[in-house]
PDB file of N, CA and C in Angstrom:
ATOM      1  N   UNK A   1     -44.570  26.267 -23.078  1.00  0.00           N
ATOM      2  CA  UNK A   1     -44.806  25.089 -22.260  1.00  0.00           C
ATOM      3  C   UNK A   1     -44.109  23.860 -22.844  1.00  0.00           C
ATOM      4  N   UNK A   2     -43.922  23.848 -24.154  1.00  0.00           N
ATOM      5  CA  UNK A   2     -43.235  22.713 -24.768  1.00  0.00           C
ATOM      6  C   UNK A   2     -41.762  22.655 -24.339  1.00  0.00           C
ATOM      7  N   UNK A   3     -41.153  23.815 -24.177  1.00  0.00           N
ATOM      8  CA  UNK A   3     -39.767  23.861 -23.743  1.00  0.00           C
ATOM      9  C   UNK A   3     -39.626  23.297 -22.325  1.00  0.00           C
ATOM     10  N   UNK A   4     -40.598  23.599 -21.472  1.00  0.00           N
ATOM     11  CA  UNK A   4     -40.578  23.085 -20.106  1.00  0.00           C
ATOM     12  C   UNK A   4     -40.659  21.557 -20.095  1.00  0.00           C
ATOM     13  N   UNK A   5     -41.517  20.994 -20.917  1.00  0.00           N
ATOM     14  CA  UNK A   5     -41.638  19.534 -20.998  1.00  0.00           C
ATOM     15  C   UNK A   5     -40.359  18.914 -21.553  1.00  0.00           C
ATOM     16  N   UNK A   6     -39.752  19.578 -22.529  1.00  0.00           N
ATOM     17  CA  UNK A   6     -38.498  19.083 -23.099  1.00  0.00           C
ATOM     18  C   UNK A   6     -37.385  19.113 -22.052  1.00  0.00           C
ATOM     19  N   UNK A   7     -37.302  20.200 -21.281  1.00  0.00           N
ATOM     20  CA  UNK A   7     -36.291  20.293 -20.241  1.00  0.00           C
ATOM     21  C   UNK A   7     -36.495  19.224 -19.161  1.00  0.00           C
ATOM     22  N   UNK A   8     -37.735  18.937 -18.826  1.00  0.00           N
ATOM     23  CA  UNK A   8     -37.997  17.879 -17.852  1.00  0.00           C
ATOM     24  C   UNK A   8     -37.519  16.534 -18.375  1.00  0.00           C
ATOM     25  N   UNK A   9     -37.722  16.268 -19.659  1.00  0.00           N
ATOM     26  CA  UNK A   9     -37.246  15.013 -20.250  1.00  0.00           C
ATOM     27  C   UNK A   9     -35.725  14.953 -20.285  1.00  0.00           C
ATOM     28  N   UNK A  10     -35.093  16.058 -20.621  1.00  0.00           N
ATOM     29  CA  UNK A  10     -33.625  16.091 -20.668  1.00  0.00           C
ATOM     30  C   UNK A  10     -33.059  15.862 -19.272  1.00  0.00           C
ATOM     31  N   UNK A  11     -33.607  16.538 -18.260  1.00  0.00           N
ATOM     32  CA  UNK A  11     -33.128  16.346 -16.893  1.00  0.00           C
ATOM     33  C   UNK A  11     -33.395  14.933 -16.402  1.00  0.00           C
ATOM     34  N   UNK A  12     -34.544  14.374 -16.785  1.00  0.00           N
ATOM     35  CA  UNK A  12     -34.840  12.992 -16.384  1.00  0.00           C
ATOM     36  C   UNK A  12     -33.834  12.034 -17.013  1.00  0.00           C
ATOM     37  N   UNK A  13     -33.469  12.268 -18.276  1.00  0.00           N
ATOM     38  CA  UNK A  13     -32.476  11.415 -18.938  1.00  0.00           C
ATOM     39  C   UNK A  13     -31.104  11.561 -18.266  1.00  0.00           C
ATOM     40  N   UNK A  14     -30.704  12.797 -17.961  1.00  0.00           N
ATOM     41  CA  UNK A  14     -29.431  13.010 -17.267  1.00  0.00           C
ATOM     42  C   UNK A  14     -29.430  12.361 -15.891  1.00  0.00           C
ATOM     43  N   UNK A  15     -30.551  12.460 -15.190  1.00  0.00           N
ATOM     44  CA  UNK A  15     -30.649  11.836 -13.877  1.00  0.00           C
ATOM     45  C   UNK A  15     -30.574  10.322 -13.980  1.00  0.00           C
ATOM     46  N   UNK A  16     -31.181   9.756 -15.005  1.00  0.00           N
ATOM     47  CA  UNK A  16     -31.085   8.300 -15.218  1.00  0.00           C
ATOM     48  C   UNK A  16     -29.640   7.881 -15.471  1.00  0.00           C
ATOM     49  N   UNK A  17     -28.915   8.650 -16.268  1.00  0.00           N
ATOM     50  CA  UNK A  17     -27.510   8.331 -16.534  1.00  0.00           C
ATOM     51  C   UNK A  17     -26.708   8.401 -15.240  1.00  0.00           C
ATOM     52  N   UNK A  18     -26.952   9.430 -14.420  1.00  0.00           N
ATOM     53  CA  UNK A  18     -26.230   9.562 -13.158  1.00  0.00           C
ATOM     54  C   UNK A  18     -26.546   8.418 -12.207  1.00  0.00           C
ATOM     55  N   UNK A  19     -27.807   8.028 -12.115  1.00  0.00           N
ATOM     56  CA  UNK A  19     -28.182   6.953 -11.202  1.00  0.00           C
ATOM     57  C   UNK A  19     -27.695   5.589 -11.690  1.00  0.00           C
ATOM     58  N   UNK A  20     -27.676   5.388 -12.995  1.00  0.00           N
ATOM     59  CA  UNK A  20     -27.117   4.140 -13.533  1.00  0.00           C
ATOM     60  C   UNK A  20     -25.608   4.097 -13.278  1.00  0.00           C
ATOM     61  N   UNK A  21     -24.915   5.224 -13.497  1.00  0.00           N
ATOM     62  CA  UNK A  21     -23.485   5.292 -13.182  1.00  0.00           C
ATOM     63  C   UNK A  21     -23.227   5.042 -11.709  1.00  0.00           C
ATOM     64  N   UNK A  22     -24.080   5.604 -10.852  1.00  0.00           N
ATOM     65  CA  UNK A  22     -23.961   5.371  -9.416  1.00  0.00           C
ATOM     66  C   UNK A  22     -24.148   3.901  -9.088  1.00  0.00           C
ATOM     67  N   UNK A  23     -25.163   3.288  -9.657  1.00  0.00           N
ATOM     68  CA  UNK A  23     -25.421   1.877  -9.373  1.00  0.00           C
ATOM     69  C   UNK A  23     -24.297   0.968  -9.827  1.00  0.00           C
ATOM     70  N   UNK A  24     -23.748   1.246 -10.993  1.00  0.00           N
ATOM     71  CA  UNK A  24     -22.677   0.393 -11.512  1.00  0.00           C
ATOM     72  C   UNK A  24     -21.362   0.598 -10.775  1.00  0.00           C
ATOM     73  N   UNK A  25     -20.969   1.839 -10.617  1.00  0.00           N
ATOM     74  CA  UNK A  25     -19.646   2.113 -10.064  1.00  0.00           C
ATOM     75  C   UNK A  25     -19.583   1.880  -8.553  1.00  0.00           C
ATOM     76  N   UNK A  26     -20.579   2.380  -7.828  1.00  0.00           N
ATOM     77  CA  UNK A  26     -20.575   2.179  -6.381  1.00  0.00           C
ATOM     78  C   UNK A  26     -20.918   0.725  -6.071  1.00  0.00           C
ATOM     79  N   UNK A  27     -21.696   0.107  -6.937  1.00  0.00           N
ATOM     80  CA  UNK A  27     -21.994  -1.320  -6.762  1.00  0.00           C
ATOM     81  C   UNK A  27     -20.739  -2.167  -6.823  1.00  0.00           C
ATOM     82  N   UNK A  28     -19.787  -1.752  -7.657  1.00  0.00           N
ATOM     83  CA  UNK A  28     -18.525  -2.479  -7.727  1.00  0.00           C
ATOM     84  C   UNK A  28     -17.775  -2.364  -6.394  1.00  0.00           C
ATOM     85  N   UNK A  29     -17.725  -1.162  -5.845  1.00  0.00           N
ATOM     86  CA  UNK A  29     -17.038  -0.965  -4.562  1.00  0.00           C
ATOM     87  C   UNK A  29     -17.721  -1.735  -3.442  1.00  0.00           C
ATOM     88  N   UNK A  30     -19.029  -1.633  -3.379  1.00  0.00           N
ATOM     89  CA  UNK A  30     -19.764  -2.332  -2.325  1.00  0.00           C
ATOM     90  C   UNK A  30     -19.660  -3.848  -2.497  1.00  0.00           C
ATOM     91  N   UNK A  31     -19.644  -4.302  -3.733  1.00  0.00           N
ATOM     92  CA  UNK A  31     -19.503  -5.737  -3.982  1.00  0.00           C
ATOM     93  C   UNK A  31     -18.163  -6.273  -3.528  1.00  0.00           C
ATOM     94  N   UNK A  32     -17.112  -5.522  -3.795  1.00  0.00           N
ATOM     95  CA  UNK A  32     -15.782  -5.948  -3.332  1.00  0.00           C
ATOM     96  C   UNK A  32     -15.740  -5.958  -1.809  1.00  0.00           C
ATOM     97  N   UNK A  33     -16.315  -4.936  -1.187  1.00  0.00           N
ATOM     98  CA  UNK A  33     -16.334  -4.890   0.274  1.00  0.00           C
ATOM     99  C   UNK A  33     -17.170  -6.005   0.878  1.00  0.00           C
ATOM    100  N   UNK A  34     -18.276  -6.337   0.235  1.00  0.00           N
ATOM    101  CA  UNK A  34     -19.136  -7.401   0.746  1.00  0.00           C
ATOM    102  C   UNK A  34     -18.487  -8.769   0.596  1.00  0.00           C
ATOM    103  N   UNK A  35     -17.849  -9.004  -0.520  1.00  0.00           N
ATOM    104  CA  UNK A  35     -17.238 -10.309  -0.786  1.00  0.00           C
ATOM    105  C   UNK A  35     -15.816 -10.424  -0.250  1.00  0.00           C
ATOM    106  N   UNK A  36     -15.351  -9.406   0.437  1.00  0.00           N
ATOM    107  CA  UNK A  36     -13.968  -9.393   0.897  1.00  0.00           C
ATOM    108  C   UNK A  36     -13.636 -10.589   1.772  1.00  0.00           C
ATOM    109  N   UNK A  37     -14.536 -10.962   2.633  1.00  0.00           N
ATOM    110  CA  UNK A  37     -14.289 -12.084   3.532  1.00  0.00           C
ATOM    111  C   UNK A  37     -14.215 -13.412   2.766  1.00  0.00           C
ATOM    112  N   UNK A  38     -14.960 -13.520   1.673  1.00  0.00           N
ATOM    113  CA  UNK A  38     -15.003 -14.775   0.930  1.00  0.00           C
ATOM    114  C   UNK A  38     -13.965 -14.845  -0.174  1.00  0.00           C
ATOM    115  N   UNK A  39     -13.641 -13.692  -0.769  1.00  0.00           N
ATOM    116  CA  UNK A  39     -12.684 -13.667  -1.884  1.00  0.00           C
ATOM    117  C   UNK A  39     -11.255 -13.787  -1.372  1.00  0.00           C
ATOM    118  N   UNK A  40     -10.931 -13.032  -0.345  1.00  0.00           N
ATOM    119  CA  UNK A  40      -9.573 -13.049   0.180  1.00  0.00           C
ATOM    120  C   UNK A  40      -9.394 -14.138   1.226  1.00  0.00           C
ATOM    121  N   UNK A  41      -8.545 -15.085   0.921  1.00  0.00           N
ATOM    122  CA  UNK A  41      -8.311 -16.179   1.877  1.00  0.00           C
ATOM    123  C   UNK A  41      -7.327 -15.787   2.971  1.00  0.00           C
ATOM    124  N   UNK A  42      -6.465 -14.825   2.643  1.00  0.00           N
ATOM    125  CA  UNK A  42      -5.512 -14.346   3.645  1.00  0.00           C
ATOM    126  C   UNK A  42      -5.437 -12.819   3.552  1.00  0.00           C
ATOM    127  N   UNK A  43      -4.648 -12.225   4.402  1.00  0.00           N
ATOM    128  CA  UNK A  43      -4.588 -10.767   4.463  1.00  0.00           C
ATOM    129  C   UNK A  43      -4.042 -10.154   3.175  1.00  0.00           C
ATOM    130  N   UNK A  44      -3.090 -10.810   2.547  1.00  0.00           N
ATOM    131  CA  UNK A  44      -2.526 -10.294   1.295  1.00  0.00           C
ATOM    132  C   UNK A  44      -3.553 -10.225   0.176  1.00  0.00           C
ATOM    133  N   UNK A  45      -4.382 -11.255   0.061  1.00  0.00           N
ATOM    134  CA  UNK A  45      -5.422 -11.248  -0.968  1.00  0.00           C
ATOM    135  C   UNK A  45      -6.492 -10.205  -0.665  1.00  0.00           C
ATOM    136  N   UNK A  46      -6.803 -10.008   0.589  1.00  0.00           N
ATOM    137  CA  UNK A  46      -7.782  -8.979   0.962  1.00  0.00           C
ATOM    138  C   UNK A  46      -7.239  -7.588   0.664  1.00  0.00           C
ATOM    139  N   UNK A  47      -5.974  -7.370   0.940  1.00  0.00           N
ATOM    140  CA  UNK A  47      -5.374  -6.070   0.633  1.00  0.00           C
ATOM    141  C   UNK A  47      -5.333  -5.826  -0.877  1.00  0.00           C
ATOM    142  N   UNK A  48      -5.108  -6.887  -1.652  1.00  0.00           N
ATOM    143  CA  UNK A  48      -5.123  -6.749  -3.108  1.00  0.00           C
ATOM    144  C   UNK A  48      -6.507  -6.351  -3.594  1.00  0.00           C
ATOM    145  N   UNK A  49      -7.546  -6.976  -3.041  1.00  0.00           N
ATOM    146  CA  UNK A  49      -8.916  -6.626  -3.429  1.00  0.00           C
ATOM    147  C   UNK A  49      -9.234  -5.179  -3.070  1.00  0.00           C
ATOM    148  N   UNK A  50      -8.784  -4.723  -1.919  1.00  0.00           N
ATOM    149  CA  UNK A  50      -9.022  -3.332  -1.534  1.00  0.00           C
ATOM    150  C   UNK A  50      -8.205  -2.367  -2.388  1.00  0.00           C
ATOM    151  N   UNK A  51      -7.015  -2.765  -2.782  1.00  0.00           N
ATOM    152  CA  UNK A  51      -6.198  -1.912  -3.642  1.00  0.00           C
ATOM    153  C   UNK A  51      -6.780  -1.777  -5.037  1.00  0.00           C
ATOM    154  N   UNK A  52      -7.581  -2.761  -5.455  1.00  0.00           N
ATOM    155  CA  UNK A  52      -8.225  -2.678  -6.768  1.00  0.00           C
ATOM    156  C   UNK A  52      -9.217  -1.524  -6.798  1.00  0.00           C
ATOM    157  N   UNK A  53     -10.011  -1.372  -5.743  1.00  0.00           N
ATOM    158  CA  UNK A  53     -11.020  -0.312  -5.736  1.00  0.00           C
ATOM    159  C   UNK A  53     -10.487   1.003  -5.180  1.00  0.00           C
ATOM    160  N   UNK A  54      -9.288   0.996  -4.621  1.00  0.00           N
ATOM    161  CA  UNK A  54      -8.729   2.193  -4.001  1.00  0.00           C
ATOM    162  C   UNK A  54      -8.676   3.422  -4.895  1.00  0.00           C
ATOM    163  N   UNK A  55      -8.114   3.329  -6.102  1.00  0.00           N
ATOM    164  CA  UNK A  55      -8.012   4.525  -6.946  1.00  0.00           C
ATOM    165  C   UNK A  55      -9.356   5.058  -7.439  1.00  0.00           C
ATOM    166  N   UNK A  56     -10.388   4.226  -7.422  1.00  0.00           N
ATOM    167  CA  UNK A  56     -11.682   4.624  -7.972  1.00  0.00           C
ATOM    168  C   UNK A  56     -12.657   5.072  -6.893  1.00  0.00           C
ATOM    169  N   UNK A  57     -12.284   4.924  -5.637  1.00  0.00           N
ATOM    170  CA  UNK A  57     -13.223   5.149  -4.540  1.00  0.00           C
ATOM    171  C   UNK A  57     -13.774   6.575  -4.530  1.00  0.00           C
ATOM    172  N   UNK A  58     -12.907   7.576  -4.537  1.00  0.00           N
ATOM    173  CA  UNK A  58     -13.364   8.966  -4.464  1.00  0.00           C
ATOM    174  C   UNK A  58     -14.162   9.360  -5.693  1.00  0.00           C
ATOM    175  N   UNK A  59     -13.727   8.906  -6.847  1.00  0.00           N
ATOM    176  CA  UNK A  59     -14.468   9.216  -8.064  1.00  0.00           C
ATOM    177  C   UNK A  59     -15.865   8.636  -8.063  1.00  0.00           C
ATOM    178  N   UNK A  60     -16.012   7.464  -7.477  1.00  0.00           N
ATOM    179  CA  UNK A  60     -17.327   6.841  -7.434  1.00  0.00           C
ATOM    180  C   UNK A  60     -18.275   7.564  -6.487  1.00  0.00           C
ATOM    181  N   UNK A  61     -17.743   8.203  -5.463  1.00  0.00           N
ATOM    182  CA  UNK A  61     -18.600   8.959  -4.552  1.00  0.00           C
ATOM    183  C   UNK A  61     -19.136  10.224  -5.222  1.00  0.00           C
ATOM    184  N   UNK A  62     -18.447  10.702  -6.245  1.00  0.00           N
ATOM    185  CA  UNK A  62     -18.914  11.881  -6.978  1.00  0.00           C
ATOM    186  C   UNK A  62     -20.233  11.589  -7.682  1.00  0.00           C
ATOM    187  N   UNK A  63     -20.412  10.356  -8.150  1.00  0.00           N
ATOM    188  CA  UNK A  63     -21.694   9.989  -8.778  1.00  0.00           C
ATOM    189  C   UNK A  63     -22.851  10.218  -7.813  1.00  0.00           C
ATOM    190  N   UNK A  64     -22.658   9.852  -6.557  1.00  0.00           N
ATOM    191  CA  UNK A  64     -23.701  10.023  -5.545  1.00  0.00           C
ATOM    192  C   UNK A  64     -24.018  11.500  -5.320  1.00  0.00           C
ATOM    193  N   UNK A  65     -22.994  12.322  -5.232  1.00  0.00           N
ATOM    194  CA  UNK A  65     -23.195  13.749  -5.005  1.00  0.00           C
ATOM    195  C   UNK A  65     -23.845  14.399  -6.218  1.00  0.00           C
ATOM    196  N   UNK A  66     -23.409  14.029  -7.404  1.00  0.00           N
ATOM    197  CA  UNK A  66     -24.011  14.580  -8.616  1.00  0.00           C
ATOM    198  C   UNK A  66     -25.477  14.173  -8.756  1.00  0.00           C
ATOM    199  N   UNK A  67     -25.795  12.941  -8.383  1.00  0.00           N
ATOM    200  CA  UNK A  67     -27.189  12.498  -8.443  1.00  0.00           C
ATOM    201  C   UNK A  67     -28.074  13.303  -7.507  1.00  0.00           C
ATOM    202  N   UNK A  68     -27.612  13.518  -6.278  1.00  0.00           N
ATOM    203  CA  UNK A  68     -28.376  14.340  -5.335  1.00  0.00           C
ATOM    204  C   UNK A  68     -28.499  15.778  -5.807  1.00  0.00           C
ATOM    205  N   UNK A  69     -27.433  16.324  -6.361  1.00  0.00           N
ATOM    206  CA  UNK A  69     -27.481  17.688  -6.890  1.00  0.00           C
ATOM    207  C   UNK A  69     -28.396  17.821  -8.083  1.00  0.00           C
ATOM    208  N   UNK A  70     -28.414  16.814  -8.954  1.00  0.00           N
ATOM    209  CA  UNK A  70     -29.297  16.851 -10.122  1.00  0.00           C
ATOM    210  C   UNK A  70     -30.758  16.760  -9.697  1.00  0.00           C
ATOM    211  N   UNK A  71     -31.044  15.935  -8.703  1.00  0.00           N
ATOM    212  CA  UNK A  71     -32.425  15.863  -8.203  1.00  0.00           C
ATOM    213  C   UNK A  71     -32.822  17.205  -7.587  1.00  0.00           C
ATOM    214  N   UNK A  72     -31.915  17.823  -6.837  1.00  0.00           N
ATOM    215  CA  UNK A  72     -32.199  19.118  -6.226  1.00  0.00           C
ATOM    216  C   UNK A  72     -32.441  20.192  -7.282  1.00  0.00           C
ATOM    217  N   UNK A  73     -31.637  20.195  -8.354  1.00  0.00           N
ATOM    218  CA  UNK A  73     -31.749  21.227  -9.378  1.00  0.00           C
ATOM    219  C   UNK A  73     -32.968  21.044 -10.274  1.00  0.00           C
ATOM    220  N   UNK A  74     -33.239  19.805 -10.668  1.00  0.00           N
ATOM    221  CA  UNK A  74     -34.280  19.586 -11.669  1.00  0.00           C
ATOM    222  C   UNK A  74     -35.646  19.297 -11.056  1.00  0.00           C
ATOM    223  N   UNK A  75     -35.669  18.566  -9.963  1.00  0.00           N
ATOM    224  CA  UNK A  75     -36.932  18.144  -9.366  1.00  0.00           C
ATOM    225  C   UNK A  75     -36.930  18.460  -7.870  1.00  0.00           C
ATOM    226  N   UNK A  76     -37.082  19.739  -7.501  1.00  0.00           N
ATOM    227  CA  UNK A  76     -36.977  20.095  -6.085  1.00  0.00           C
ATOM    228  C   UNK A  76     -38.063  19.474  -5.210  1.00  0.00           C
ATOM    229  N   UNK A  77     -39.249  19.255  -5.760  1.00  0.00           N
ATOM    230  CA  UNK A  77     -40.305  18.625  -4.966  1.00  0.00           C
ATOM    231  C   UNK A  77     -39.940  17.174  -4.651  1.00  0.00           C
ATOM    232  N   UNK A  78     -39.412  16.462  -5.628  1.00  0.00           N
ATOM    233  CA  UNK A  78     -38.961  15.090  -5.405  1.00  0.00           C
ATOM    234  C   UNK A  78     -37.825  15.059  -4.391  1.00  0.00           C
ATOM    235  N   UNK A  79     -36.908  16.013  -4.500  1.00  0.00           N
ATOM    236  CA  UNK A  79     -35.792  16.100  -3.549  1.00  0.00           C
ATOM    237  C   UNK A  79     -36.301  16.330  -2.135  1.00  0.00           C
ATOM    238  N   UNK A  80     -37.190  17.303  -1.982  1.00  0.00           N
ATOM    239  CA  UNK A  80     -37.702  17.635  -0.647  1.00  0.00           C
ATOM    240  C   UNK A  80     -38.476  16.474  -0.049  1.00  0.00           C
ATOM    241  N   UNK A  81     -39.275  15.817  -0.860  1.00  0.00           N
ATOM    242  CA  UNK A  81     -40.069  14.695  -0.358  1.00  0.00           C
ATOM    243  C   UNK A  81     -39.195  13.508  -0.003  1.00  0.00           C
ATOM    244  N   UNK A  82     -38.337  13.108  -0.909  1.00  0.00           N
ATOM    245  CA  UNK A  82     -37.543  11.901  -0.676  1.00  0.00           C
ATOM    246  C   UNK A  82     -36.500  12.095   0.418  1.00  0.00           C
ATOM    247  N   UNK A  83     -35.844  13.236   0.446  1.00  0.00           N
ATOM    248  CA  UNK A  83     -34.805  13.435   1.442  1.00  0.00           C
ATOM    249  C   UNK A  83     -35.371  13.704   2.831  1.00  0.00           C
ATOM    250  N   UNK A  84     -36.615  14.204   2.918  1.00  0.00           N
ATOM    251  CA  UNK A  84     -37.206  14.389   4.244  1.00  0.00           C
ATOM    252  C   UNK A  84     -37.828  13.096   4.754  1.00  0.00           C
ATOM    253  N   UNK A  85     -38.413  12.305   3.862  1.00  0.00           N
ATOM    254  CA  UNK A  85     -39.011  11.029   4.283  1.00  0.00           C
ATOM    255  C   UNK A  85     -37.923  10.020   4.647  1.00  0.00           C
ATOM    256  N   UNK A  86     -36.873   9.979   3.869  1.00  0.00           N
ATOM    257  CA  UNK A  86     -35.787   9.023   4.083  1.00  0.00           C
ATOM    258  C   UNK A  86     -34.601   9.667   4.792  1.00  0.00           C
ATOM    259  N   UNK A  87     -34.864  10.588   5.703  1.00  0.00           N
ATOM    260  CA  UNK A  87     -33.799  11.326   6.372  1.00  0.00           C
ATOM    261  C   UNK A  87     -32.859  10.398   7.141  1.00  0.00           C
ATOM    262  N   UNK A  88     -33.411   9.487   7.909  1.00  0.00           N
ATOM    263  CA  UNK A  88     -32.580   8.579   8.710  1.00  0.00           C
ATOM    264  C   UNK A  88     -31.736   7.696   7.796  1.00  0.00           C
ATOM    265  N   UNK A  89     -32.337   7.209   6.723  1.00  0.00           N
ATOM    266  CA  UNK A  89     -31.607   6.364   5.773  1.00  0.00           C
ATOM    267  C   UNK A  89     -30.483   7.154   5.116  1.00  0.00           C
ATOM    268  N   UNK A  90     -30.750   8.382   4.733  1.00  0.00           N
ATOM    269  CA  UNK A  90     -29.721   9.206   4.089  1.00  0.00           C
ATOM    270  C   UNK A  90     -28.575   9.517   5.058  1.00  0.00           C
ATOM    271  N   UNK A  91     -28.892   9.778   6.321  1.00  0.00           N
ATOM    272  CA  UNK A  91     -27.839  10.043   7.306  1.00  0.00           C
ATOM    273  C   UNK A  91     -26.986   8.796   7.523  1.00  0.00           C
ATOM    274  N   UNK A  92     -27.631   7.629   7.633  1.00  0.00           N
ATOM    275  CA  UNK A  92     -26.873   6.385   7.786  1.00  0.00           C
ATOM    276  C   UNK A  92     -26.013   6.112   6.563  1.00  0.00           C
ATOM    277  N   UNK A  93     -26.543   6.381   5.373  1.00  0.00           N
ATOM    278  CA  UNK A  93     -25.767   6.207   4.145  1.00  0.00           C
ATOM    279  C   UNK A  93     -24.586   7.166   4.123  1.00  0.00           C
ATOM    280  N   UNK A  94     -24.803   8.392   4.531  1.00  0.00           N
ATOM    281  CA  UNK A  94     -23.718   9.368   4.567  1.00  0.00           C
ATOM    282  C   UNK A  94     -22.634   8.949   5.553  1.00  0.00           C
ATOM    283  N   UNK A  95     -23.018   8.516   6.745  1.00  0.00           N
ATOM    284  CA  UNK A  95     -22.032   8.064   7.723  1.00  0.00           C
ATOM    285  C   UNK A  95     -21.278   6.839   7.226  1.00  0.00           C
ATOM    286  N   UNK A  96     -21.977   5.918   6.570  1.00  0.00           N
ATOM    287  CA  UNK A  96     -21.286   4.737   6.048  1.00  0.00           C
ATOM    288  C   UNK A  96     -20.310   5.112   4.941  1.00  0.00           C
ATOM    289  N   UNK A  97     -20.671   6.100   4.134  1.00  0.00           N
ATOM    290  CA  UNK A  97     -19.771   6.548   3.072  1.00  0.00           C
ATOM    291  C   UNK A  97     -18.541   7.249   3.638  1.00  0.00           C
ATOM    292  N   UNK A  98     -18.674   7.834   4.828  1.00  0.00           N
ATOM    293  CA  UNK A  98     -17.533   8.498   5.463  1.00  0.00           C
ATOM    294  C   UNK A  98     -16.671   7.485   6.212  1.00  0.00           C
ATOM    295  N   UNK A  99     -17.300   6.591   6.953  1.00  0.00           N
ATOM    296  CA  UNK A  99     -16.561   5.681   7.823  1.00  0.00           C
ATOM    297  C   UNK A  99     -15.922   4.503   7.090  1.00  0.00           C
ATOM    298  N   UNK A 100     -16.492   4.069   5.986  1.00  0.00           N
ATOM    299  CA  UNK A 100     -15.941   2.907   5.280  1.00  0.00           C
ATOM    300  C   UNK A 100     -14.541   3.170   4.729  1.00  0.00           C
ATOM    301  N   UNK A 101     -14.308   4.275   4.013  1.00  0.00           N
ATOM    302  CA  UNK A 101     -12.935   4.533   3.560  1.00  0.00           C
ATOM    303  C   UNK A 101     -11.964   4.759   4.719  1.00  0.00           C
ATOM    304  N   UNK A 102     -12.450   5.343   5.808  1.00  0.00           N
ATOM    305  CA  UNK A 102     -11.587   5.531   6.976  1.00  0.00           C
ATOM    306  C   UNK A 102     -11.182   4.168   7.531  1.00  0.00           C
ATOM    307  N   UNK A 103     -12.133   3.242   7.584  1.00  0.00           N
ATOM    308  CA  UNK A 103     -11.824   1.894   8.069  1.00  0.00           C
ATOM    309  C   UNK A 103     -10.829   1.199   7.148  1.00  0.00           C
ATOM    310  N   UNK A 104     -10.987   1.365   5.845  1.00  0.00           N
ATOM    311  CA  UNK A 104     -10.027   0.773   4.911  1.00  0.00           C
ATOM    312  C   UNK A 104      -8.644   1.370   5.113  1.00  0.00           C
ATOM    313  N   UNK A 105      -8.577   2.678   5.353  1.00  0.00           N
ATOM    314  CA  UNK A 105      -7.285   3.334   5.550  1.00  0.00           C
ATOM    315  C   UNK A 105      -6.620   2.856   6.836  1.00  0.00           C
ATOM    316  N   UNK A 106      -7.385   2.762   7.911  1.00  0.00           N
ATOM    317  CA  UNK A 106      -6.806   2.282   9.167  1.00  0.00           C
ATOM    318  C   UNK A 106      -6.446   0.808   9.089  1.00  0.00           C
ATOM    319  N   UNK A 107      -7.156   0.050   8.267  1.00  0.00           N
ATOM    320  CA  UNK A 107      -6.818  -1.364   8.100  1.00  0.00           C
ATOM    321  C   UNK A 107      -5.440  -1.505   7.472  1.00  0.00           C
ATOM    322  N   UNK A 108      -5.132  -0.617   6.539  1.00  0.00           N
ATOM    323  CA  UNK A 108      -3.818  -0.692   5.912  1.00  0.00           C
ATOM    324  C   UNK A 108      -2.711  -0.250   6.860  1.00  0.00           C
ATOM    325  N   UNK A 109      -3.044   0.517   7.883  1.00  0.00           N
ATOM    326  CA  UNK A 109      -2.060   0.969   8.857  1.00  0.00           C
ATOM    327  C   UNK A 109      -1.930   0.025  10.049  1.00  0.00           C
ATOM    328  N   UNK A 110      -2.808  -0.956  10.179  1.00  0.00           N
ATOM    329  CA  UNK A 110      -2.856  -1.806  11.376  1.00  0.00           C
ATOM    330  C   UNK A 110      -1.566  -2.593  11.579  1.00  0.00           C
ATOM    331  N   UNK A 111      -0.970  -3.120  10.523  1.00  0.00           N
ATOM    332  CA  UNK A 111       0.261  -3.892  10.674  1.00  0.00           C
ATOM    333  C   UNK A 111       1.415  -3.035  11.158  1.00  0.00           C
ATOM    334  N   UNK A 112       1.505  -1.815  10.669  1.00  0.00           N
ATOM    335  CA  UNK A 112       2.607  -0.964  11.098  1.00  0.00           C
ATOM    336  C   UNK A 112       2.427  -0.547  12.561  1.00  0.00           C
ATOM    337  N   UNK A 113       1.206  -0.353  12.993  1.00  0.00           N
ATOM    338  CA  UNK A 113       0.955  -0.013  14.391  1.00  0.00           C
ATOM    339  C   UNK A 113       1.244  -1.223  15.273  1.00  0.00           C
ATOM    340  N   UNK A 114       0.729  -2.383  14.871  1.00  0.00           N
ATOM    341  CA  UNK A 114       0.952  -3.607  15.658  1.00  0.00           C
ATOM    342  C   UNK A 114       2.431  -3.976  15.679  1.00  0.00           C
ATOM    343  N   UNK A 115       3.115  -3.767  14.564  1.00  0.00           N
ATOM    344  CA  UNK A 115       4.536  -4.095  14.517  1.00  0.00           C
ATOM    345  C   UNK A 115       5.355  -3.194  15.410  1.00  0.00           C
ATOM    346  N   UNK A 116       4.958  -1.930  15.522  1.00  0.00           N
ATOM    347  CA  UNK A 116       5.703  -1.002  16.366  1.00  0.00           C
ATOM    348  C   UNK A 116       5.448  -1.268  17.847  1.00  0.00           C
ATOM    349  N   UNK A 117       4.277  -1.797  18.166  1.00  0.00           N
ATOM    350  CA  UNK A 117       3.906  -2.033  19.561  1.00  0.00           C
ATOM    351  C   UNK A 117       4.073  -3.492  19.968  1.00  0.00           C
ATOM    352  N   UNK A 118       4.688  -4.297  19.121  1.00  0.00           N
ATOM    353  CA  UNK A 118       4.711  -5.742  19.372  1.00  0.00           C
ATOM    354  C   UNK A 118       5.383  -6.107  20.693  1.00  0.00           C
ATOM    355  N   UNK A 119       6.433  -5.428  21.059  1.00  0.00           N
ATOM    356  CA  UNK A 119       7.152  -5.808  22.271  1.00  0.00           C
ATOM    357  C   UNK A 119       6.591  -5.194  23.545  1.00  0.00           C
ATOM    358  N   UNK A 120       5.643  -4.286  23.441  1.00  0.00           N
ATOM    359  CA  UNK A 120       5.164  -3.579  24.622  1.00  0.00           C
ATOM    360  C   UNK A 120       3.977  -4.247  25.282  1.00  0.00           C
ATOM    361  N   UNK A 121       3.352  -5.198  24.638  1.00  0.00           N
ATOM    362  CA  UNK A 121       2.189  -5.852  25.199  1.00  0.00           C
ATOM    363  C   UNK A 121       0.933  -5.004  25.116  1.00  0.00           C
ATOM    364  N   UNK A 122       0.974  -3.945  24.294  1.00  0.00           N
ATOM    365  CA  UNK A 122      -0.168  -3.057  24.153  1.00  0.00           C
ATOM    366  C   UNK A 122      -1.329  -3.753  23.450  1.00  0.00           C
ATOM    367  N   UNK A 123      -1.035  -4.566  22.423  1.00  0.00           N
ATOM    368  CA  UNK A 123      -2.104  -5.263  21.682  1.00  0.00           C
ATOM    369  C   UNK A 123      -2.171  -6.679  22.102  1.00  0.00           C
TER     370      UNK A 123
END
């Protein structure tokens, strides 16, 4: 029984490290996205701010997946309770995590699309 208690403490410590990493790293991405309107005075400055978080974006999402996997592996009752109670919140979070990078990608393509269609009156 002592080994079981030790394993619970080790998993709790690992989960704390994962959640702290998630809070710090994803917080940086969300902070840049939130302050984008205020930090960037023009389109060039906004693109620079987005390019800062660009290389780290996918890596930061791994923290979220690892945290959910660690909760599932170590504390299945907590996983079942929290993910079923907060189902709508988790789905909205998942959709936002999918749609936000897509929006950033299409934002970088907007000038090339508008430039190609400039003479047609499409936009």
